[in-house]
C-alpha cells in the first residue's frame, strides 16, 4: 500500500498580533506551528489536517475577540456548532481543508502588515506512482485566492502544445 503526503509551507510568518485568538487556535491544529516572540510559522510534513478537535471552553474564550464580520471561521463555528460551543465536550471539526485558506485570507484582509500569503504544497508518495507526485501553489490576497496544481499546469501545457501542432496525443 502506498502512503501519500502533502508537505505544506505557509509564507511569510504571520504576526501574532495579526491573528484573532480563534484563528490561531484553529491554525495551530490544522498545521504545525513554530513560534517566535512575535510571529508564527505554519507548515506540515504530511499536509493540513482535515479533522481537528478543540475544547469547547477554548473555543468560547477564543471567540470573544472575533465577530462573524471579521472572521469566516467565527461565523462557521457560531452557525454550525453553537450548541456544542456552550457544552463541555471537545468539538470535532471536519473538512478543515476547505476552511484554512479562508482563515488565512481573513488574516490578510485585516492586517496592515500583510498584503499576501503564499502556500506551497508538494504531493509525494511512498511508492513511485504516477498519481503520487506533483504540487500546488497558492497566492492568497485580501480579494482573491489563486491556486494551481501541477496537474492543471500540465493540462494547460497539453492544450497549448496541441493547439500549436506540437503533439497529437496527451492529456488535454
N, C-alpha and C. Protein backbone atom coordinates (compact mmCIF):
# COMPACT_ATOMS: atom_id res chain seq x y z
N UNK A 1 0.83 -1.18 0.00
CA UNK A 1 0.00 0.00 0.00
C UNK A 1 0.89 1.25 0.00
N UNK A 2 0.49 2.20 -0.78
CA UNK A 2 1.25 3.46 -0.88
C UNK A 2 0.70 4.48 0.11
N UNK A 3 1.59 5.28 0.67
CA UNK A 3 1.21 6.38 1.54
C UNK A 3 1.43 7.69 0.79
N UNK A 4 0.44 8.56 0.83
CA UNK A 4 0.51 9.84 0.14
C UNK A 4 0.72 10.95 1.17
N UNK A 5 1.59 11.91 0.82
CA UNK A 5 1.92 13.01 1.72
C UNK A 5 1.79 14.34 0.98
N UNK A 6 1.54 15.38 1.74
CA UNK A 6 1.44 16.71 1.16
C UNK A 6 2.17 17.71 2.05
N UNK A 7 3.50 17.70 2.04
CA UNK A 7 4.22 18.72 2.81
C UNK A 7 3.76 20.12 2.37
N UNK A 8 3.53 20.97 3.36
CA UNK A 8 2.93 22.27 3.11
C UNK A 8 3.66 23.36 3.89
N UNK A 9 3.86 24.51 3.24
CA UNK A 9 4.52 25.66 3.88
C UNK A 9 3.69 26.91 3.61
N UNK A 10 3.43 27.68 4.66
CA UNK A 10 2.77 28.98 4.54
C UNK A 10 3.84 30.05 4.75
N UNK A 11 3.91 31.01 3.83
CA UNK A 11 4.95 32.02 3.89
C UNK A 11 4.34 33.38 3.59
N UNK A 12 4.75 34.45 4.24
CA UNK A 12 5.74 34.56 5.30
C UNK A 12 5.14 34.17 6.64
N UNK A 13 5.97 34.29 7.69
CA UNK A 13 5.47 34.09 9.04
C UNK A 13 4.38 35.13 9.30
N UNK A 14 3.43 34.78 10.15
CA UNK A 14 2.30 35.67 10.43
C UNK A 14 2.47 36.25 11.83
N UNK A 15 2.38 37.56 11.92
CA UNK A 15 2.47 38.24 13.20
C UNK A 15 1.37 37.73 14.12
N UNK A 16 1.71 37.47 15.37
CA UNK A 16 0.71 37.02 16.33
C UNK A 16 -0.37 38.08 16.51
N UNK A 17 0.01 39.35 16.41
CA UNK A 17 -0.96 40.43 16.56
C UNK A 17 -1.95 40.49 15.39
N UNK A 18 -1.61 39.90 14.25
CA UNK A 18 -2.49 39.92 13.08
C UNK A 18 -3.61 38.89 13.16
N UNK A 19 -3.46 37.92 14.06
CA UNK A 19 -4.42 36.82 14.15
C UNK A 19 -5.38 37.01 15.32
N UNK A 20 -6.64 36.66 15.08
CA UNK A 20 -7.59 36.56 16.18
C UNK A 20 -7.28 35.29 16.96
N UNK A 21 -7.57 35.25 18.25
CA UNK A 21 -7.30 34.02 19.03
C UNK A 21 -7.93 32.76 18.43
N UNK A 22 -9.14 32.87 17.89
CA UNK A 22 -9.80 31.69 17.31
C UNK A 22 -9.04 31.21 16.07
N UNK A 23 -8.49 32.14 15.29
CA UNK A 23 -7.72 31.76 14.10
C UNK A 23 -6.43 31.06 14.49
N UNK A 24 -5.77 31.59 15.49
CA UNK A 24 -4.52 30.98 15.95
C UNK A 24 -4.78 29.59 16.51
N UNK A 25 -5.84 29.44 17.29
CA UNK A 25 -6.20 28.14 17.84
C UNK A 25 -6.45 27.14 16.71
N UNK A 26 -7.20 27.56 15.72
CA UNK A 26 -7.53 26.71 14.56
C UNK A 26 -6.28 26.36 13.76
N UNK A 27 -5.50 27.37 13.37
CA UNK A 27 -4.33 27.12 12.53
C UNK A 27 -3.29 26.26 13.23
N UNK A 28 -3.17 26.39 14.56
CA UNK A 28 -2.19 25.58 15.29
C UNK A 28 -2.58 24.11 15.34
N UNK A 29 -3.84 23.81 15.05
CA UNK A 29 -4.29 22.42 14.99
C UNK A 29 -4.26 21.87 13.56
N UNK A 30 -4.51 22.74 12.60
CA UNK A 30 -4.52 22.32 11.19
C UNK A 30 -3.09 22.11 10.69
N UNK A 31 -2.17 22.97 11.13
CA UNK A 31 -0.76 22.90 10.73
C UNK A 31 0.11 22.71 11.96
N UNK A 32 1.38 22.46 11.74
CA UNK A 32 2.36 22.55 12.81
C UNK A 32 2.66 24.03 12.97
N UNK A 33 2.80 24.48 14.21
CA UNK A 33 3.04 25.89 14.48
C UNK A 33 4.39 26.04 15.16
N UNK A 34 5.23 26.89 14.58
CA UNK A 34 6.51 27.23 15.19
C UNK A 34 6.47 28.71 15.53
N UNK A 35 6.76 29.04 16.79
CA UNK A 35 6.60 30.40 17.27
C UNK A 35 7.93 31.10 17.51
N UNK A 36 7.95 32.39 17.20
CA UNK A 36 8.98 33.29 17.71
C UNK A 36 8.25 34.17 18.72
N UNK A 37 8.90 35.17 19.24
CA UNK A 37 8.23 36.02 20.22
C UNK A 37 7.11 36.86 19.60
N UNK A 38 7.16 37.05 18.27
CA UNK A 38 6.19 37.94 17.64
C UNK A 38 5.41 37.34 16.48
N UNK A 39 5.79 36.13 16.03
CA UNK A 39 5.16 35.60 14.82
C UNK A 39 5.05 34.08 14.87
N UNK A 40 4.20 33.56 13.99
CA UNK A 40 4.00 32.11 13.88
C UNK A 40 4.31 31.67 12.45
N UNK A 41 4.97 30.54 12.36
CA UNK A 41 5.27 29.90 11.08
C UNK A 41 4.41 28.65 11.02
N UNK A 42 3.67 28.49 9.91
CA UNK A 42 2.79 27.34 9.75
C UNK A 42 3.30 26.45 8.63
N UNK A 43 3.36 25.16 8.92
CA UNK A 43 3.83 24.18 7.95
C UNK A 43 3.30 22.81 8.37
N UNK A 44 3.52 21.81 7.53
CA UNK A 44 3.16 20.45 7.88
C UNK A 44 3.93 19.50 6.98
N UNK A 45 4.51 18.47 7.58
CA UNK A 45 5.23 17.46 6.79
C UNK A 45 4.27 16.56 6.02
N UNK A 46 3.09 16.31 6.59
CA UNK A 46 2.14 15.39 5.96
C UNK A 46 0.98 16.08 5.27
N UNK A 47 0.81 17.35 5.49
CA UNK A 47 -0.30 18.09 4.91
C UNK A 47 -1.22 18.63 5.99
N UNK A 48 -2.04 19.58 5.62
CA UNK A 48 -3.01 20.16 6.55
C UNK A 48 -3.96 19.08 7.04
N UNK A 49 -4.28 19.14 8.31
CA UNK A 49 -5.19 18.14 8.90
C UNK A 49 -6.62 18.50 8.54
N UNK A 50 -7.37 17.50 8.09
CA UNK A 50 -8.78 17.72 7.76
C UNK A 50 -9.68 17.62 8.98
N UNK A 51 -9.28 16.86 9.98
CA UNK A 51 -10.09 16.66 11.18
C UNK A 51 -9.30 17.12 12.39
N UNK A 52 -9.86 18.06 13.13
CA UNK A 52 -9.21 18.53 14.35
C UNK A 52 -10.23 18.48 15.48
N UNK A 53 -9.74 18.52 16.69
CA UNK A 53 -10.60 18.51 17.87
C UNK A 53 -10.18 19.67 18.77
N UNK A 54 -11.16 20.48 19.17
CA UNK A 54 -10.91 21.64 20.02
C UNK A 54 -11.83 21.58 21.23
N UNK A 55 -11.31 21.99 22.37
CA UNK A 55 -12.12 22.03 23.58
C UNK A 55 -13.13 23.18 23.47
N UNK A 56 -14.37 22.92 23.85
CA UNK A 56 -15.42 23.94 23.79
C UNK A 56 -15.03 25.17 24.60
N UNK A 57 -14.42 24.96 25.76
CA UNK A 57 -14.02 26.10 26.60
C UNK A 57 -12.97 26.97 25.90
N UNK A 58 -12.04 26.35 25.17
CA UNK A 58 -11.04 27.11 24.43
C UNK A 58 -11.69 27.90 23.30
N UNK A 59 -12.65 27.28 22.62
CA UNK A 59 -13.35 27.97 21.54
C UNK A 59 -14.11 29.17 22.09
N UNK A 60 -14.83 28.99 23.20
CA UNK A 60 -15.58 30.11 23.81
C UNK A 60 -14.64 31.27 24.13
N UNK A 61 -13.53 30.97 24.76
CA UNK A 61 -12.57 32.03 25.13
C UNK A 61 -11.99 32.70 23.89
N UNK A 62 -11.67 31.92 22.87
CA UNK A 62 -11.06 32.46 21.66
C UNK A 62 -12.06 33.26 20.82
N UNK A 63 -13.34 32.92 20.90
CA UNK A 63 -14.35 33.63 20.11
C UNK A 63 -14.65 35.02 20.66
N UNK A 64 -14.27 35.30 21.90
CA UNK A 64 -14.58 36.61 22.50
C UNK A 64 -14.05 37.77 21.67
N UNK A 65 -12.91 37.59 21.02
CA UNK A 65 -12.29 38.67 20.25
C UNK A 65 -12.74 38.70 18.79
N UNK A 66 -13.56 37.74 18.38
CA UNK A 66 -13.94 37.63 16.96
C UNK A 66 -15.39 38.03 16.76
N UNK A 67 -15.66 38.48 15.55
CA UNK A 67 -17.04 38.71 15.14
C UNK A 67 -17.25 38.01 13.80
N UNK A 68 -18.46 37.62 13.51
CA UNK A 68 -18.72 36.98 12.21
C UNK A 68 -18.34 37.86 11.02
N UNK A 69 -18.34 39.18 11.22
CA UNK A 69 -17.99 40.09 10.13
C UNK A 69 -16.49 40.06 9.82
N UNK A 70 -15.66 39.78 10.81
CA UNK A 70 -14.22 39.80 10.61
C UNK A 70 -13.61 38.41 10.45
N UNK A 71 -14.40 37.37 10.73
CA UNK A 71 -13.85 36.02 10.70
C UNK A 71 -14.88 35.02 10.17
N UNK A 72 -14.60 34.45 9.01
CA UNK A 72 -15.48 33.41 8.48
C UNK A 72 -15.45 32.17 9.37
N UNK A 73 -14.32 31.94 10.03
CA UNK A 73 -14.23 30.83 10.96
C UNK A 73 -15.19 31.03 12.13
N UNK A 74 -15.20 32.22 12.70
CA UNK A 74 -16.13 32.51 13.80
C UNK A 74 -17.57 32.32 13.34
N UNK A 75 -17.89 32.80 12.15
CA UNK A 75 -19.24 32.66 11.60
C UNK A 75 -19.61 31.18 11.46
N UNK A 76 -18.69 30.39 10.91
CA UNK A 76 -18.95 28.97 10.71
C UNK A 76 -19.16 28.27 12.05
N UNK A 77 -18.34 28.56 13.03
CA UNK A 77 -18.49 27.92 14.34
C UNK A 77 -19.81 28.31 14.99
N UNK A 78 -20.17 29.57 14.92
CA UNK A 78 -21.43 30.04 15.51
C UNK A 78 -22.62 29.41 14.79
N UNK A 79 -22.57 29.35 13.46
CA UNK A 79 -23.68 28.79 12.68
C UNK A 79 -23.83 27.29 12.86
N UNK A 80 -22.71 26.57 12.88
CA UNK A 80 -22.76 25.11 12.83
C UNK A 80 -22.50 24.40 14.15
N UNK A 81 -21.93 25.10 15.12
CA UNK A 81 -21.56 24.44 16.37
C UNK A 81 -22.05 25.18 17.61
N UNK A 82 -23.07 25.99 17.50
CA UNK A 82 -23.47 26.85 18.62
C UNK A 82 -23.81 26.05 19.87
N UNK A 83 -24.55 24.97 19.75
CA UNK A 83 -24.88 24.16 20.92
C UNK A 83 -23.64 23.52 21.52
N UNK A 84 -22.78 22.98 20.68
CA UNK A 84 -21.57 22.31 21.16
C UNK A 84 -20.62 23.29 21.84
N UNK A 85 -20.55 24.52 21.35
CA UNK A 85 -19.68 25.53 21.95
C UNK A 85 -20.09 25.82 23.39
N UNK A 86 -21.37 25.75 23.67
CA UNK A 86 -21.86 26.01 25.02
C UNK A 86 -21.64 24.83 25.95
N UNK A 87 -21.31 23.68 25.41
CA UNK A 87 -21.11 22.48 26.21
C UNK A 87 -19.70 22.39 26.77
N UNK A 88 -19.37 21.21 27.26
CA UNK A 88 -18.06 20.99 27.87
C UNK A 88 -17.23 19.98 27.09
N UNK A 89 -17.79 19.34 26.10
CA UNK A 89 -17.07 18.32 25.34
C UNK A 89 -16.19 18.95 24.27
N UNK A 90 -15.23 18.16 23.81
CA UNK A 90 -14.42 18.59 22.67
C UNK A 90 -15.29 18.64 21.43
N UNK A 91 -14.95 19.54 20.54
CA UNK A 91 -15.70 19.69 19.29
C UNK A 91 -14.80 19.24 18.16
N UNK A 92 -15.29 18.28 17.38
CA UNK A 92 -14.55 17.80 16.22
C UNK A 92 -14.96 18.63 15.02
N UNK A 93 -13.97 19.18 14.35
CA UNK A 93 -14.22 19.93 13.12
C UNK A 93 -13.67 19.15 11.95
N UNK A 94 -14.53 18.77 11.05
CA UNK A 94 -14.15 18.00 9.87
C UNK A 94 -14.09 18.95 8.67
N UNK A 95 -13.37 18.54 7.67
CA UNK A 95 -13.26 19.31 6.42
C UNK A 95 -12.53 20.63 6.63
N UNK A 96 -11.54 20.65 7.53
CA UNK A 96 -10.75 21.87 7.76
C UNK A 96 -9.99 22.28 6.50
N UNK A 97 -9.74 21.31 5.62
CA UNK A 97 -9.05 21.61 4.37
C UNK A 97 -9.83 22.56 3.49
N UNK A 98 -11.15 22.64 3.72
CA UNK A 98 -11.97 23.57 2.96
C UNK A 98 -12.03 24.94 3.61
N UNK A 99 -11.44 25.09 4.79
CA UNK A 99 -11.60 26.32 5.55
C UNK A 99 -10.31 27.08 5.81
N UNK A 100 -9.18 26.40 5.89
CA UNK A 100 -7.95 27.09 6.31
C UNK A 100 -7.53 28.22 5.37
N UNK A 101 -7.75 28.07 4.07
CA UNK A 101 -7.38 29.16 3.15
C UNK A 101 -8.22 30.40 3.41
N UNK A 102 -9.50 30.22 3.75
CA UNK A 102 -10.36 31.36 4.09
C UNK A 102 -9.87 32.03 5.38
N UNK A 103 -9.42 31.24 6.33
CA UNK A 103 -8.89 31.79 7.58
C UNK A 103 -7.65 32.64 7.27
N UNK A 104 -6.76 32.11 6.45
CA UNK A 104 -5.56 32.88 6.08
C UNK A 104 -5.94 34.15 5.33
N UNK A 105 -6.95 34.07 4.46
CA UNK A 105 -7.37 35.27 3.74
C UNK A 105 -7.96 36.31 4.68
N UNK A 106 -8.72 35.89 5.67
CA UNK A 106 -9.27 36.85 6.64
C UNK A 106 -8.15 37.58 7.37
N UNK A 107 -7.06 36.86 7.68
CA UNK A 107 -5.91 37.48 8.34
C UNK A 107 -5.30 38.54 7.43
N UNK A 108 -5.12 38.21 6.15
CA UNK A 108 -4.57 39.17 5.19
C UNK A 108 -5.49 40.39 5.07
N UNK A 109 -6.79 40.15 5.02
CA UNK A 109 -7.75 41.27 4.89
C UNK A 109 -7.64 42.28 6.01
N UNK A 110 -7.42 41.80 7.21
CA UNK A 110 -7.38 42.69 8.38
C UNK A 110 -6.00 43.27 8.64
N UNK A 111 -4.95 42.65 8.14
CA UNK A 111 -3.59 43.01 8.52
C UNK A 111 -3.03 44.16 7.69
N UNK A 112 -2.58 45.23 8.34
CA UNK A 112 -1.90 46.28 7.60
C UNK A 112 -0.49 45.87 7.19
N UNK A 113 0.04 44.82 7.81
CA UNK A 113 1.41 44.36 7.52
C UNK A 113 1.48 43.39 6.34
N UNK A 114 0.40 42.66 6.10
CA UNK A 114 0.41 41.62 5.06
C UNK A 114 -0.45 42.04 3.88
N UNK A 115 0.10 41.91 2.67
CA UNK A 115 -0.76 42.09 1.50
C UNK A 115 -0.97 40.76 0.78
N UNK A 116 -0.28 39.71 1.26
CA UNK A 116 -0.47 38.38 0.68
C UNK A 116 0.18 37.32 1.57
N UNK A 117 -0.23 36.09 1.34
CA UNK A 117 0.44 34.90 1.88
C UNK A 117 0.57 33.93 0.73
N UNK A 118 1.60 33.10 0.76
CA UNK A 118 1.72 32.02 -0.21
C UNK A 118 1.67 30.69 0.52
N UNK A 119 1.12 29.71 -0.16
CA UNK A 119 1.09 28.34 0.35
C UNK A 119 1.67 27.47 -0.75
N UNK A 120 2.67 26.69 -0.39
CA UNK A 120 3.29 25.77 -1.33
C UNK A 120 3.13 24.36 -0.80
N UNK A 121 2.64 23.48 -1.67
CA UNK A 121 2.43 22.08 -1.29
C UNK A 121 3.17 21.19 -2.27
N UNK A 122 3.74 20.13 -1.75
CA UNK A 122 4.35 19.10 -2.59
C UNK A 122 3.52 17.84 -2.43
N UNK A 123 3.19 17.20 -3.53
CA UNK A 123 2.47 15.93 -3.48
C UNK A 123 3.51 14.83 -3.65
N UNK A 124 3.67 14.00 -2.63
CA UNK A 124 4.64 12.91 -2.68
C UNK A 124 3.99 11.61 -2.27
N UNK A 125 4.70 10.53 -2.55
CA UNK A 125 4.15 9.20 -2.30
C UNK A 125 5.29 8.27 -1.88
N UNK A 126 4.96 7.29 -1.05
CA UNK A 126 5.98 6.35 -0.58
C UNK A 126 6.38 5.34 -1.65
N UNK A 127 5.63 5.29 -2.74
CA UNK A 127 5.96 4.43 -3.88
C UNK A 127 6.00 5.28 -5.14
N UNK A 128 6.73 4.84 -6.09
CA UNK A 128 6.87 5.62 -7.33
C UNK A 128 5.65 5.41 -8.22
N UNK A 129 4.57 6.13 -7.90
CA UNK A 129 3.32 6.04 -8.66
C UNK A 129 3.09 7.35 -9.40
N UNK A 130 2.62 7.27 -10.63
CA UNK A 130 2.42 8.49 -11.42
C UNK A 130 1.45 9.48 -10.78
N UNK A 131 0.47 8.96 -10.03
CA UNK A 131 -0.50 9.86 -9.41
C UNK A 131 -0.05 10.39 -8.06
N UNK A 132 1.15 10.02 -7.62
CA UNK A 132 1.59 10.38 -6.29
C UNK A 132 2.55 11.54 -6.20
N UNK A 133 2.76 12.25 -7.30
CA UNK A 133 3.75 13.33 -7.28
C UNK A 133 3.22 14.56 -7.99
N UNK A 134 3.65 15.69 -7.54
CA UNK A 134 3.23 16.96 -8.12
C UNK A 134 3.29 18.03 -7.07
N UNK A 135 2.41 18.99 -7.19
CA UNK A 135 2.41 20.07 -6.21
C UNK A 135 1.30 21.05 -6.47
N UNK A 136 1.26 22.08 -5.64
CA UNK A 136 0.26 23.12 -5.75
C UNK A 136 0.86 24.40 -5.20
N UNK A 137 0.57 25.49 -5.87
CA UNK A 137 0.98 26.81 -5.40
C UNK A 137 -0.27 27.65 -5.22
N UNK A 138 -0.29 28.43 -4.13
CA UNK A 138 -1.46 29.25 -3.82
C UNK A 138 -0.98 30.65 -3.42
N UNK A 139 -1.63 31.65 -3.96
CA UNK A 139 -1.39 33.04 -3.59
C UNK A 139 -2.68 33.57 -2.99
N UNK A 140 -2.59 34.00 -1.73
CA UNK A 140 -3.77 34.50 -1.02
C UNK A 140 -3.61 36.00 -0.83
N UNK A 141 -4.52 36.78 -1.40
CA UNK A 141 -4.56 38.22 -1.19
C UNK A 141 -5.88 38.55 -0.48
N UNK A 142 -6.07 39.81 -0.17
CA UNK A 142 -7.30 40.20 0.51
C UNK A 142 -8.53 39.93 -0.35
N UNK A 143 -8.38 39.98 -1.65
CA UNK A 143 -9.56 39.84 -2.52
C UNK A 143 -9.68 38.50 -3.22
N UNK A 144 -8.58 37.76 -3.36
CA UNK A 144 -8.62 36.54 -4.17
C UNK A 144 -7.71 35.46 -3.61
N UNK A 145 -8.14 34.23 -3.79
CA UNK A 145 -7.28 33.08 -3.52
C UNK A 145 -7.04 32.41 -4.87
N UNK A 146 -5.79 32.45 -5.32
CA UNK A 146 -5.42 31.83 -6.59
C UNK A 146 -4.62 30.56 -6.28
N UNK A 147 -4.94 29.50 -7.01
CA UNK A 147 -4.14 28.29 -6.83
C UNK A 147 -4.10 27.51 -8.13
N UNK A 148 -3.01 26.81 -8.28
CA UNK A 148 -2.86 25.96 -9.46
C UNK A 148 -1.97 24.79 -9.08
N UNK A 149 -2.43 23.62 -9.50
CA UNK A 149 -1.64 22.41 -9.26
C UNK A 149 -0.79 22.09 -10.48
N UNK A 150 0.17 21.23 -10.31
CA UNK A 150 0.97 20.81 -11.46
C UNK A 150 0.08 20.07 -12.45
N UNK A 151 -0.97 19.42 -11.97
CA UNK A 151 -1.87 18.71 -12.89
C UNK A 151 -2.60 19.69 -13.81
N UNK A 152 -3.10 20.80 -13.27
CA UNK A 152 -3.77 21.78 -14.13
C UNK A 152 -2.76 22.50 -15.01
N UNK A 153 -1.55 22.66 -14.52
CA UNK A 153 -0.50 23.26 -15.34
C UNK A 153 -0.18 22.36 -16.54
N UNK A 154 -0.07 21.06 -16.31
CA UNK A 154 0.16 20.13 -17.41
C UNK A 154 -1.02 20.14 -18.39
N UNK A 155 -2.25 20.23 -17.89
CA UNK A 155 -3.41 20.31 -18.78
C UNK A 155 -3.29 21.52 -19.71
N UNK A 156 -2.86 22.65 -19.15
CA UNK A 156 -2.67 23.85 -19.97
C UNK A 156 -1.55 23.64 -20.99
N UNK A 157 -0.44 23.02 -20.55
CA UNK A 157 0.66 22.73 -21.47
C UNK A 157 0.20 21.85 -22.62
N UNK A 158 -0.56 20.78 -22.30
CA UNK A 158 -1.07 19.88 -23.34
C UNK A 158 -1.95 20.62 -24.34
N UNK A 159 -2.86 21.46 -23.82
CA UNK A 159 -3.76 22.21 -24.68
C UNK A 159 -2.98 23.15 -25.60
N UNK A 160 -2.01 23.87 -25.04
CA UNK A 160 -1.20 24.79 -25.84
C UNK A 160 -0.36 24.05 -26.88
N UNK A 161 0.26 22.93 -26.47
CA UNK A 161 1.09 22.16 -27.41
C UNK A 161 0.25 21.57 -28.53
N UNK A 162 -0.95 21.07 -28.20
CA UNK A 162 -1.83 20.52 -29.23
C UNK A 162 -2.30 21.61 -30.19
N UNK A 163 -2.63 22.78 -29.66
CA UNK A 163 -3.08 23.90 -30.49
C UNK A 163 -1.97 24.38 -31.42
N UNK A 164 -0.73 24.24 -31.00
CA UNK A 164 0.43 24.65 -31.82
C UNK A 164 0.91 23.52 -32.74
N UNK A 165 0.21 22.38 -32.72
CA UNK A 165 0.59 21.26 -33.57
C UNK A 165 1.85 20.56 -33.11
N UNK A 166 2.26 20.79 -31.88
CA UNK A 166 3.48 20.15 -31.35
C UNK A 166 3.27 18.70 -30.97
N UNK A 167 2.08 18.37 -30.53
CA UNK A 167 1.75 16.99 -30.13
C UNK A 167 0.38 16.63 -30.69
N UNK A 168 0.17 15.35 -30.83
CA UNK A 168 -1.15 14.90 -31.27
C UNK A 168 -1.84 14.07 -30.20
N UNK A 169 -1.10 13.69 -29.18
CA UNK A 169 -1.65 12.92 -28.06
C UNK A 169 -1.29 13.64 -26.77
N UNK A 170 -1.97 13.32 -25.75
CA UNK A 170 -1.67 13.93 -24.46
C UNK A 170 -2.84 13.76 -23.53
N UNK A 171 -2.88 14.58 -22.56
CA UNK A 171 -3.91 14.51 -21.54
C UNK A 171 -4.69 15.81 -21.47
N UNK A 172 -5.27 16.28 -22.57
CA UNK A 172 -5.96 17.58 -22.50
C UNK A 172 -7.17 17.57 -21.60
